[in-house]
Structures are given as C-alpha cells and as structure tokens.
C-alpha atoms as a PDB file:
ATOM      1  CA  MET A   1      23.609  22.785 -71.504  1.00  0.00           C
ATOM      2  CA  ARG A   2      20.013  22.184 -71.966  1.00  0.00           C
ATOM      3  CA  ARG A   3      18.945  24.336 -68.433  1.00  0.00           C
ATOM      4  CA  ALA A   4      21.518  26.863 -69.978  1.00  0.00           C
ATOM      5  CA  PHE A   5      19.725  27.251 -73.750  1.00  0.00           C
ATOM      6  CA  ILE A   6      16.024  27.518 -71.941  1.00  0.00           C
ATOM      7  CA  ALA A   7      17.595  30.002 -69.636  1.00  0.00           C
ATOM      8  CA  SER A   8      18.294  32.323 -72.439  1.00  0.00           C
ATOM      9  CA  LEU A   9      15.369  31.686 -73.936  1.00  0.00           C
ATOM     10  CA  VAL A  10      13.107  32.551 -71.427  1.00  0.00           C
ATOM     11  CA  ALA A  11      15.584  35.651 -71.124  1.00  0.00           C
ATOM     12  CA  LEU A  12      14.736  36.558 -74.729  1.00  0.00           C
ATOM     13  CA  SER A  13      11.192  36.381 -74.358  1.00  0.00           C
ATOM     14  CA  ILE A  14      11.175  38.952 -71.702  1.00  0.00           C
ATOM     15  CA  ALA A  15      13.381  41.104 -73.140  1.00  0.00           C
ATOM     16  CA  VAL A  16      11.657  41.314 -76.526  1.00  0.00           C
ATOM     17  CA  ALA A  17       8.309  40.921 -78.162  1.00  0.00           C
ATOM     18  CA  PRO A  18       7.738  37.136 -77.652  1.00  0.00           C
ATOM     19  CA  ALA A  19       7.779  35.067 -81.119  1.00  0.00           C
ATOM     20  CA  MET A  20       6.501  31.938 -79.672  1.00  0.00           C
ATOM     21  CA  SER A  21       2.767  33.202 -79.342  1.00  0.00           C
ATOM     22  CA  ASP A  22      -0.039  30.859 -80.173  1.00  0.00           C
ATOM     23  CA  GLU A  23      -2.728  33.345 -78.781  1.00  0.00           C
ATOM     24  CA  PRO A  24      -2.548  37.408 -78.668  1.00  0.00           C
ATOM     25  CA  GLY A  25      -0.773  38.977 -75.598  1.00  0.00           C
ATOM     26  CA  TYR A  26       1.367  36.315 -74.401  1.00  0.00           C
ATOM     27  CA  ALA A  27       3.824  33.662 -75.160  1.00  0.00           C
ATOM     28  CA  VAL A  28       4.416  30.299 -73.158  1.00  0.00           C
ATOM     29  CA  THR A  29       7.667  28.931 -72.514  1.00  0.00           C
ATOM     30  CA  ALA A  30       7.190  25.409 -71.236  1.00  0.00           C
ATOM     31  CA  ASP A  31       9.005  22.831 -68.811  1.00  0.00           C
ATOM     32  CA  VAL A  32      11.241  25.604 -67.709  1.00  0.00           C
ATOM     33  CA  PRO A  33      13.815  22.983 -65.189  1.00  0.00           C
ATOM     34  CA  PHE A  34      14.203  25.280 -61.870  1.00  0.00           C
ATOM     35  CA  GLY A  35      15.756  21.919 -59.599  1.00  0.00           C
ATOM     36  CA  ASP A  36      17.382  19.236 -60.322  1.00  0.00           C
ATOM     37  CA  LEU A  37      14.683  16.344 -60.033  1.00  0.00           C
ATOM     38  CA  PRO A  38      12.576  15.250 -62.993  1.00  0.00           C
ATOM     39  CA  GLY A  39       9.567  16.373 -62.383  1.00  0.00           C
ATOM     40  CA  GLN A  40      10.547  20.351 -60.869  1.00  0.00           C
ATOM     41  CA  VAL A  41       9.578  22.110 -63.447  1.00  0.00           C
ATOM     42  CA  LEU A  42       7.758  25.283 -64.443  1.00  0.00           C
ATOM     43  CA  ASP A  43       6.121  27.516 -67.211  1.00  0.00           C
ATOM     44  CA  ILE A  44       6.337  30.875 -67.752  1.00  0.00           C
ATOM     45  CA  TYR A  45       3.442  33.245 -69.115  1.00  0.00           C
ATOM     46  CA  THR A  46       4.756  36.050 -70.559  1.00  0.00           C
ATOM     47  CA  PRO A  47       2.762  39.265 -71.820  1.00  0.00           C
ATOM     48  CA  ALA A  48       4.132  40.887 -75.373  1.00  0.00           C
ATOM     49  CA  THR A  49       5.150  44.196 -74.009  1.00  0.00           C
ATOM     50  CA  VAL A  50       7.279  43.592 -70.727  1.00  0.00           C
ATOM     51  CA  ASN A  51       9.003  46.436 -68.870  1.00  0.00           C
ATOM     52  CA  ASP A  52      10.822  46.740 -65.584  1.00  0.00           C
ATOM     53  CA  ASP A  53       7.839  47.376 -63.449  1.00  0.00           C
ATOM     54  CA  THR A  54       5.845  44.172 -64.704  1.00  0.00           C
ATOM     55  CA  PRO A  55       5.560  41.899 -61.713  1.00  0.00           C
ATOM     56  CA  VAL A  56       5.676  38.214 -61.130  1.00  0.00           C
ATOM     57  CA  LEU A  57       2.769  36.698 -60.394  1.00  0.00           C
ATOM     58  CA  VAL A  58       3.731  32.393 -58.856  1.00  0.00           C
ATOM     59  CA  PHE A  59       0.530  30.913 -58.886  1.00  0.00           C
ATOM     60  CA  LEU A  60       0.639  27.207 -57.362  1.00  0.00           C
ATOM     61  CA  PHE A  61      -2.203  24.639 -58.795  1.00  0.00           C
ATOM     62  CA  GLY A  62      -4.484  22.905 -55.845  1.00  0.00           C
ATOM     63  CA  GLY A  63      -5.473  18.956 -55.866  1.00  0.00           C
ATOM     64  CA  GLY A  64      -5.230  17.850 -52.188  1.00  0.00           C
ATOM     65  CA  PHE A  65      -1.612  17.605 -52.216  1.00  0.00           C
ATOM     66  CA  ARG A  66      -2.339  13.641 -53.848  1.00  0.00           C
ATOM     67  CA  TYR A  67      -3.010  15.305 -57.555  1.00  0.00           C
ATOM     68  CA  GLY A  68      -2.739  17.938 -60.240  1.00  0.00           C
ATOM     69  CA  ASP A  69       0.027  19.675 -62.110  1.00  0.00           C
ATOM     70  CA  LYS A  70       1.573  22.877 -63.680  1.00  0.00           C
ATOM     71  CA  SER A  71      -1.253  22.571 -66.075  1.00  0.00           C
ATOM     72  CA  ARG A  72      -4.354  23.232 -63.971  1.00  0.00           C
ATOM     73  CA  PRO A  73      -3.826  27.094 -63.483  1.00  0.00           C
ATOM     74  CA  ARG A  74      -3.399  27.465 -67.288  1.00  0.00           C
ATOM     75  CA  LEU A  75      -6.391  29.702 -68.272  1.00  0.00           C
ATOM     76  CA  ILE A  76      -4.901  32.091 -64.809  1.00  0.00           C
ATOM     77  CA  GLY A  77      -1.202  32.010 -66.503  1.00  0.00           C
ATOM     78  CA  GLN A  78      -3.219  33.381 -70.478  1.00  0.00           C
ATOM     79  CA  SER A  79      -5.806  35.710 -68.731  1.00  0.00           C
ATOM     80  CA  PHE A  80      -3.277  37.575 -66.825  1.00  0.00           C
ATOM     81  CA  ALA A  81      -0.413  37.337 -68.868  1.00  0.00           C
ATOM     82  CA  ASP A  82      -2.598  38.710 -71.914  1.00  0.00           C
ATOM     83  CA  ALA A  83      -3.134  41.386 -69.228  1.00  0.00           C
ATOM     84  CA  GLY A  84       0.474  42.445 -69.076  1.00  0.00           C
ATOM     85  CA  THR A  85       1.484  40.048 -65.905  1.00  0.00           C
ATOM     86  CA  ILE A  86       4.121  37.873 -65.708  1.00  0.00           C
ATOM     87  CA  VAL A  87       2.811  34.064 -64.963  1.00  0.00           C
ATOM     88  CA  VAL A  88       5.148  31.216 -63.514  1.00  0.00           C
ATOM     89  CA  ALA A  89       3.121  28.177 -62.650  1.00  0.00           C
ATOM     90  CA  PRO A  90       5.913  25.257 -61.258  1.00  0.00           C
ATOM     91  CA  ASN A  91       5.130  21.680 -60.591  1.00  0.00           C
ATOM     92  CA  TYR A  92       5.758  20.255 -56.973  1.00  0.00           C
ATOM     93  CA  ARG A  93       5.637  17.176 -55.469  1.00  0.00           C
ATOM     94  CA  THR A  94       2.254  15.483 -54.788  1.00  0.00           C
ATOM     95  CA  LYS A  95       1.827  12.462 -52.902  1.00  0.00           C
ATOM     96  CA  THR A  96       4.588  13.210 -50.493  1.00  0.00           C
ATOM     97  CA  ALA A  97       5.807  13.662 -47.270  1.00  0.00           C
ATOM     98  CA  PHE A  98       5.623  17.139 -45.840  1.00  0.00           C
ATOM     99  CA  PRO A  99       7.462  19.313 -46.474  1.00  0.00           C
ATOM    100  CA  ALA A 100       8.484  18.302 -49.903  1.00  0.00           C
ATOM    101  CA  PHE A 101       6.334  20.147 -51.870  1.00  0.00           C
ATOM    102  CA  ILE A 102       7.046  23.147 -49.589  1.00  0.00           C
ATOM    103  CA  GLU A 103      10.580  22.971 -50.642  1.00  0.00           C
ATOM    104  CA  ASP A 104       9.494  22.374 -54.116  1.00  0.00           C
ATOM    105  CA  ALA A 105       7.572  25.874 -54.431  1.00  0.00           C
ATOM    106  CA  ALA A 106      10.308  27.566 -52.535  1.00  0.00           C
ATOM    107  CA  LYS A 107      12.525  26.152 -55.033  1.00  0.00           C
ATOM    108  CA  ALA A 108      11.065  27.513 -58.020  1.00  0.00           C
ATOM    109  CA  VAL A 109      10.302  30.693 -56.267  1.00  0.00           C
ATOM    110  CA  ALA A 110      14.248  31.068 -56.048  1.00  0.00           C
ATOM    111  CA  TYR A 111      14.546  30.507 -59.552  1.00  0.00           C
ATOM    112  CA  VAL A 112      12.076  33.198 -60.116  1.00  0.00           C
ATOM    113  CA  TRP A 113      14.126  35.470 -58.045  1.00  0.00           C
ATOM    114  CA  LYS A 114      17.277  34.806 -60.008  1.00  0.00           C
ATOM    115  CA  GLU A 115      16.541  34.503 -63.306  1.00  0.00           C
ATOM    116  CA  LEU A 116      13.303  36.973 -64.017  1.00  0.00           C
ATOM    117  CA  ARG A 117      15.046  40.059 -63.455  1.00  0.00           C
ATOM    118  CA  THR A 118      14.625  43.639 -64.934  1.00  0.00           C
ATOM    119  CA  ASN A 119      16.849  44.999 -67.543  1.00  0.00           C
ATOM    120  CA  GLN A 120      18.942  46.374 -65.027  1.00  0.00           C
ATOM    121  CA  GLY A 121      19.093  43.214 -63.273  1.00  0.00           C
ATOM    122  CA  ASP A 122      16.532  43.825 -60.437  1.00  0.00           C
ATOM    123  CA  PRO A 123      14.403  41.774 -58.882  1.00  0.00           C
ATOM    124  CA  ARG A 124      10.964  42.453 -60.355  1.00  0.00           C
ATOM    125  CA  PRO A 125       7.978  42.223 -57.425  1.00  0.00           C
ATOM    126  CA  ILE A 126       6.606  38.292 -56.913  1.00  0.00           C
ATOM    127  CA  ILE A 127       3.643  37.671 -55.693  1.00  0.00           C
ATOM    128  CA  ILE A 128       3.070  34.552 -54.528  1.00  0.00           C
ATOM    129  CA  SER A 129      -0.566  32.557 -55.036  1.00  0.00           C
ATOM    130  CA  GLY A 130      -2.436  29.364 -55.124  1.00  0.00           C
ATOM    131  CA  TRP A 131      -5.766  27.563 -54.498  1.00  0.00           C
ATOM    132  CA  SER A 132      -6.794  25.195 -52.127  1.00  0.00           C
ATOM    133  CA  ALA A 133      -3.380  23.084 -51.118  1.00  0.00           C
ATOM    134  CA  GLY A 134      -1.412  25.694 -53.240  1.00  0.00           C
ATOM    135  CA  ALA A 135      -2.651  28.562 -51.421  1.00  0.00           C
ATOM    136  CA  TYR A 136      -1.218  26.449 -48.397  1.00  0.00           C
ATOM    137  CA  ILE A 137       1.934  25.715 -49.715  1.00  0.00           C
ATOM    138  CA  GLY A 138       2.339  29.515 -50.907  1.00  0.00           C
ATOM    139  CA  GLY A 139       0.992  30.674 -47.401  1.00  0.00           C
ATOM    140  CA  ILE A 140       3.868  28.690 -45.992  1.00  0.00           C
ATOM    141  CA  VAL A 141       6.801  29.824 -48.351  1.00  0.00           C
ATOM    142  CA  SER A 142       5.502  33.411 -47.853  1.00  0.00           C
ATOM    143  CA  TYR A 143       5.958  33.253 -44.416  1.00  0.00           C
ATOM    144  CA  ASP A 144       8.359  30.967 -42.765  1.00  0.00           C
ATOM    145  CA  GLY A 145      11.223  32.283 -44.196  1.00  0.00           C
ATOM    146  CA  ARG A 146      13.203  29.604 -43.705  1.00  0.00           C
ATOM    147  CA  TYR A 147      12.698  28.037 -46.903  1.00  0.00           C
ATOM    148  CA  LEU A 148      13.583  30.875 -49.535  1.00  0.00           C
ATOM    149  CA  LYS A 149      16.467  31.417 -46.865  1.00  0.00           C
ATOM    150  CA  ALA A 150      17.696  28.012 -47.618  1.00  0.00           C
ATOM    151  CA  GLU A 151      17.690  29.028 -51.185  1.00  0.00           C
ATOM    152  CA  GLY A 152      19.941  31.806 -50.797  1.00  0.00           C
ATOM    153  CA  VAL A 153      16.459  34.264 -51.127  1.00  0.00           C
ATOM    154  CA  PRO A 154      15.985  37.509 -48.939  1.00  0.00           C
ATOM    155  CA  SER A 155      13.061  37.859 -46.987  1.00  0.00           C
ATOM    156  CA  ASP A 156      11.951  40.697 -48.534  1.00  0.00           C
ATOM    157  CA  ALA A 157      11.810  38.966 -51.956  1.00  0.00           C
ATOM    158  CA  VAL A 158       8.298  38.518 -51.797  1.00  0.00           C
ATOM    159  CA  SER A 159       6.083  41.527 -52.696  1.00  0.00           C
ATOM    160  CA  GLY A 160       2.770  39.996 -51.408  1.00  0.00           C
ATOM    161  CA  PHE A 161       0.657  37.008 -50.827  1.00  0.00           C
ATOM    162  CA  ILE A 162      -3.108  35.975 -52.340  1.00  0.00           C
ATOM    163  CA  GLY A 163      -4.728  32.757 -51.123  1.00  0.00           C
ATOM    164  CA  LEU A 164      -7.657  31.028 -52.713  1.00  0.00           C
ATOM    165  CA  ALA A 165      -9.511  28.719 -50.496  1.00  0.00           C
ATOM    166  CA  GLY A 166      -6.453  27.447 -48.681  1.00  0.00           C
ATOM    167  CA  PRO A 167      -6.402  25.226 -45.678  1.00  0.00           C
ATOM    168  CA  TYR A 168      -3.597  27.658 -43.844  1.00  0.00           C
ATOM    169  CA  TRP A 169      -3.843  25.416 -40.681  1.00  0.00           C
ATOM    170  CA  GLY A 170      -1.985  21.959 -42.420  1.00  0.00           C
ATOM    171  CA  GLY A 171      -2.488  18.795 -41.664  1.00  0.00           C
ATOM    172  CA  LEU A 172      -5.855  18.180 -43.961  1.00  0.00           C
ATOM    173  CA  CYS A 173      -5.985  17.231 -47.705  1.00  0.00           C
ATOM    174  CA  SER A 174      -9.362  17.661 -49.189  1.00  0.00           C
ATOM    175  CA  GLY A 175     -11.077  17.867 -45.907  1.00  0.00           C
ATOM    176  CA  ALA A 176      -9.435  14.705 -43.876  1.00  0.00           C
ATOM    177  CA  ARG A 177      -6.584  13.653 -42.270  1.00  0.00           C
ATOM    178  CA  CYS A 178      -3.727  12.060 -44.351  1.00  0.00           C
ATOM    179  CA  PRO A 179      -1.030  11.192 -42.063  1.00  0.00           C
ATOM    180  CA  SER A 180       1.301   9.933 -44.583  1.00  0.00           C
ATOM    181  CA  ILE A 181       1.097  13.648 -46.320  1.00  0.00           C
ATOM    182  CA  PHE A 182       1.332  15.387 -42.722  1.00  0.00           C
ATOM    183  CA  PRO A 183       3.406  13.118 -40.382  1.00  0.00           C
ATOM    184  CA  PRO A 184       1.858  14.074 -37.097  1.00  0.00           C
ATOM    185  CA  ASP A 185       5.267  14.750 -35.693  1.00  0.00           C
ATOM    186  CA  THR A 186       5.538  18.135 -38.347  1.00  0.00           C
ATOM    187  CA  ASP A 187       2.295  19.396 -36.746  1.00  0.00           C
ATOM    188  CA  ALA A 188       4.097  21.966 -35.036  1.00  0.00           C
ATOM    189  CA  ASP A 189       5.263  23.796 -38.573  1.00  0.00           C
ATOM    190  CA  TRP A 190       1.950  23.352 -40.445  1.00  0.00           C
ATOM    191  CA  PRO A 191       0.196  26.299 -39.342  1.00  0.00           C
ATOM    192  CA  VAL A 192       0.838  29.362 -41.676  1.00  0.00           C
ATOM    193  CA  ALA A 193      -0.281  31.668 -38.990  1.00  0.00           C
ATOM    194  CA  GLY A 194       2.662  30.719 -36.316  1.00  0.00           C
ATOM    195  CA  PHE A 195       5.075  32.210 -39.192  1.00  0.00           C
ATOM    196  CA  VAL A 196       3.648  35.441 -39.482  1.00  0.00           C
ATOM    197  CA  ASP A 197       5.724  38.470 -38.188  1.00  0.00           C
ATOM    198  CA  ALA A 198       5.830  42.580 -38.836  1.00  0.00           C
ATOM    199  CA  GLY A 199       7.210  43.135 -42.332  1.00  0.00           C
ATOM    200  CA  ASP A 200       5.945  40.660 -43.584  1.00  0.00           C
ATOM    201  CA  PRO A 201       4.009  40.999 -47.074  1.00  0.00           C
ATOM    202  CA  PRO A 202       0.412  42.263 -47.362  1.00  0.00           C
ATOM    203  CA  MET A 203      -2.257  39.640 -47.743  1.00  0.00           C
ATOM    204  CA  LEU A 204      -5.277  39.249 -50.139  1.00  0.00           C
ATOM    205  CA  LEU A 205      -7.647  35.633 -48.509  1.00  0.00           C
ATOM    206  CA  ILE A 206     -10.007  34.820 -50.675  1.00  0.00           C
ATOM    207  CA  GLN A 207     -12.922  31.703 -50.091  1.00  0.00           C
ATOM    208  CA  GLY A 208     -16.234  31.351 -51.047  1.00  0.00           C
ATOM    209  CA  PRO A 209     -18.837  30.694 -47.851  1.00  0.00           C
ATOM    210  CA  LEU A 210     -20.316  27.643 -50.371  1.00  0.00           C
ATOM    211  CA  ASP A 211     -16.415  25.684 -49.617  1.00  0.00           C
ATOM    212  CA  ASN A 212     -17.400  22.503 -48.100  1.00  0.00           C
ATOM    213  CA  TYR A 213     -13.596  21.621 -48.087  1.00  0.00           C
ATOM    214  CA  VAL A 214     -11.794  24.183 -46.328  1.00  0.00           C
ATOM    215  CA  ASP A 215     -13.599  25.593 -42.947  1.00  0.00           C
ATOM    216  CA  ILE A 216     -13.427  29.410 -43.303  1.00  0.00           C
ATOM    217  CA  GLY A 217     -12.134  29.511 -39.770  1.00  0.00           C
ATOM    218  CA  ASN A 218      -8.775  28.975 -41.781  1.00  0.00           C
ATOM    219  CA  LEU A 219      -9.369  32.041 -43.461  1.00  0.00           C
ATOM    220  CA  GLU A 220      -9.888  33.934 -40.464  1.00  0.00           C
ATOM    221  CA  THR A 221      -7.060  32.430 -38.273  1.00  0.00           C
ATOM    222  CA  LEU A 222      -4.270  33.529 -41.126  1.00  0.00           C
ATOM    223  CA  ALA A 223      -6.094  37.164 -41.383  1.00  0.00           C
ATOM    224  CA  ALA A 224      -5.866  37.690 -37.554  1.00  0.00           C
ATOM    225  CA  ALA A 225      -2.677  36.882 -37.541  1.00  0.00           C
ATOM    226  CA  GLY A 226      -1.446  39.406 -39.973  1.00  0.00           C
ATOM    227  CA  LYS A 227      -3.636  42.477 -38.943  1.00  0.00           C
ATOM    228  CA  ALA A 228      -1.638  41.336 -35.353  1.00  0.00           C
ATOM    229  CA  ALA A 229       1.708  41.437 -37.360  1.00  0.00           C
ATOM    230  CA  ASP A 230       0.414  45.285 -38.395  1.00  0.00           C
ATOM    231  CA  LEU A 231       0.258  43.708 -42.186  1.00  0.00           C
ATOM    232  CA  ASP A 232      -1.995  45.145 -44.877  1.00  0.00           C
ATOM    233  CA  VAL A 233      -4.654  42.107 -44.817  1.00  0.00           C
ATOM    234  CA  THR A 234      -7.290  42.227 -46.972  1.00  0.00           C
ATOM    235  CA  THR A 235      -9.870  39.391 -47.363  1.00  0.00           C
ATOM    236  CA  LEU A 236     -13.078  38.504 -49.557  1.00  0.00           C
ATOM    237  CA  ILE A 237     -16.086  35.997 -49.073  1.00  0.00           C
ATOM    238  CA  ALA A 238     -17.124  35.811 -52.352  1.00  0.00           C
ATOM    239  CA  GLU A 239     -20.955  35.597 -52.587  1.00  0.00           C
ATOM    240  CA  LYS A 240     -22.184  32.286 -53.343  1.00  0.00           C
ATOM    241  CA  ARG A 241     -18.799  31.043 -54.415  1.00  0.00           C
ATOM    242  CA  SER A 242     -17.792  27.500 -53.757  1.00  0.00           C
ATOM    243  CA  HIS A 243     -14.266  25.963 -52.941  1.00  0.00           C
ATOM    244  CA  LYS A 244     -13.487  25.498 -56.971  1.00  0.00           C
ATOM    245  CA  SER A 245     -15.370  28.582 -58.213  1.00  0.00           C
ATOM    246  CA  VAL A 246     -13.072  30.926 -56.344  1.00  0.00           C
ATOM    247  CA  MET A 247     -10.072  29.694 -58.800  1.00  0.00           C
ATOM    248  CA  HIS A 248     -12.293  29.290 -62.017  1.00  0.00           C
ATOM    249  CA  ASP A 249     -13.766  33.724 -61.160  1.00  0.00           C
ATOM    250  CA  MET A 250      -9.779  34.470 -60.909  1.00  0.00           C
ATOM    251  CA  GLU A 251      -9.651  33.102 -64.324  1.00  0.00           C
ATOM    252  CA  GLU A 252     -12.636  35.968 -65.636  1.00  0.00           C
ATOM    253  CA  HIS A 253     -12.558  39.283 -66.223  1.00  0.00           C
ATOM    254  CA  GLY A 254     -15.421  40.828 -64.566  1.00  0.00           C
ATOM    255  CA  THR A 255     -15.910  39.088 -61.475  1.00  0.00           C
ATOM    256  CA  GLU A 256     -15.566  39.891 -58.006  1.00  0.00           C
ATOM    257  CA  VAL A 257     -12.777  37.625 -57.184  1.00  0.00           C
ATOM    258  CA  ARG A 258     -10.603  39.284 -60.240  1.00  0.00           C
ATOM    259  CA  ALA A 259     -11.373  42.757 -58.889  1.00  0.00           C
ATOM    260  CA  ALA A 260     -10.108  41.730 -56.126  1.00  0.00           C
ATOM    261  CA  VAL A 261      -6.631  40.106 -57.379  1.00  0.00           C
ATOM    262  CA  GLU A 262      -5.999  42.945 -59.712  1.00  0.00           C
ATOM    263  CA  ALA A 263      -6.431  45.685 -57.169  1.00  0.00           C
ATOM    264  CA  PHE A 264      -4.066  43.942 -54.659  1.00  0.00           C
ATOM    265  CA  LEU A 265      -1.723  42.939 -57.327  1.00  0.00           C
ATOM    266  CA  GLY A 266      -1.749  46.635 -58.802  1.00  0.00           C
ATOM    267  CA  LYS A 267      -1.241  48.144 -54.791  1.00  0.00           C
ATOM    268  CA  VAL A 268       1.720  45.529 -54.303  1.00  0.00           C
ATOM    269  CA  ALA A 269       3.436  45.666 -57.204  1.00  0.00           C
ATOM    270  CA  SER A 270       3.748  49.677 -57.581  1.00  0.00           C
ATOM    271  CA  ASP A 271       4.410  49.710 -53.695  1.00  0.00           C
END
C-alpha cells in the first residue's frame, strides 16, 4: 500500500507543478522504495516544469564502497532539478561484497525506466552518473548489460554515462585493496572497460590531475575501450582539481566540470 501511494505521488509530481517544494524551482520526493530491502530507497528531485523531453539523471554517491548514502549528492539533485533535469539519487548497499551494490543500482535504474515515464507512457532518456565508487557502479550498470537485463530493462534504456573520478578497474576501495568488498574470485567481472561494446551509450569521463585516490589510468583505459568500440567518448581533465573537488564543481554553475556535464546532458537527451 505504501509503495503504491508513493508511486502515485511521484507520478503526480512529474505531471504537474510540484506542491512539495521548499526551494524555488523543484520538489523532492524522499525515500521512494525501489526494492524489497529496507535500504532500497531513492530520492527524486523534480523540476517545477517537466515535459516529455525532460531527461532523468541517476546519480550514485561515492564513499569507497564502505560509507555514504543518497543524501551526499543532495546539492547536485537540487541544482540540476532547478535547472530542469529530473534527478534520482538512490541508496545502494555499502560494506558488502561485489556485486550486491551493482545489483542495487541496476534495480534503481529499473525503477526509473518503469515508473518515471512521459505523459504518453514512453521511457525518458536516462543518464547514469556517479562520483568515485558511484562512478564505478554506474559504469558497470551502463556497460555490463547483465544487471539491467536481470531487472527486465532493455539494453538501450541508458542514454549516456557520466563518470567523475571513477576507479573503473575495480578491486580498490579508497585506493587500497579490499577483498571483503571485491572478493578475488570475482576479479574477471570488475573492469568496466571489459564490457564496453559497439552500440553502448556515450560516455563523459571527468577527473582532476590532483586526484590522490584514483589513478588516471582508470579514465584512460575506459576511454580507450569506448573509442575502440566507436562510441562517442568525451574526457575532461579538470585543471587543478582533486578527487573531491570534481564533484563539488558539478554542483556549481559556471565551473568547467558543470559546463561539460550540461553540454553532454543536452546532447544525449536530444539524440
């Protein structure tokens, strides 16, 4: 009953100007269940004006696979919703073994694909994004089609991927080995680049040269795989930016990172 009530509330907030806004330009629908586990909930930031061309940005928080929750990208949700993009910030399980957190993220994307549709009932453009661990998780969901397929979502449901400072090789938590999170016997399924194929969604990969947690080779390897598959690949090495500051720059209008993200969103949402 609770889930049906929240689903109808979300649909209403997308169909009309939101009545829940405590900030100009957007409303927040919090703790929407997307699965059966207690922590499988997400927040939806809905612009005041939504039409059939409005895309959905699914943003996955970072925290070394051990910490964090959906409140971390709050400012990204507020800022992009205020600018006209629906933003969804899901939880995923932390301090648990691969691939549980991937499965959670895929289930959240499935909720978006099934529930946040246009007035005609068509799926909206979905762009998956994330920072640090969230970028890794988003990359796997975007390019290893097994996880969305398990949720009944077609391979073309994702319109683009935006990764900020992602450890795309897998196997590391905050720059260190973490066998409790990445069991060694699952290593063949870690690297995002190993799942990139022709016809996959375009990618925007962003990192700062002052990143002390994630080797720049992670970005380079994934970008090379995208180019080898003839995908549309954009990379940005944001001048004088660190691991954390690239996410803060995404929150702020007028930064190099924000401009790149906005351009990418506009491009993939209109394709």
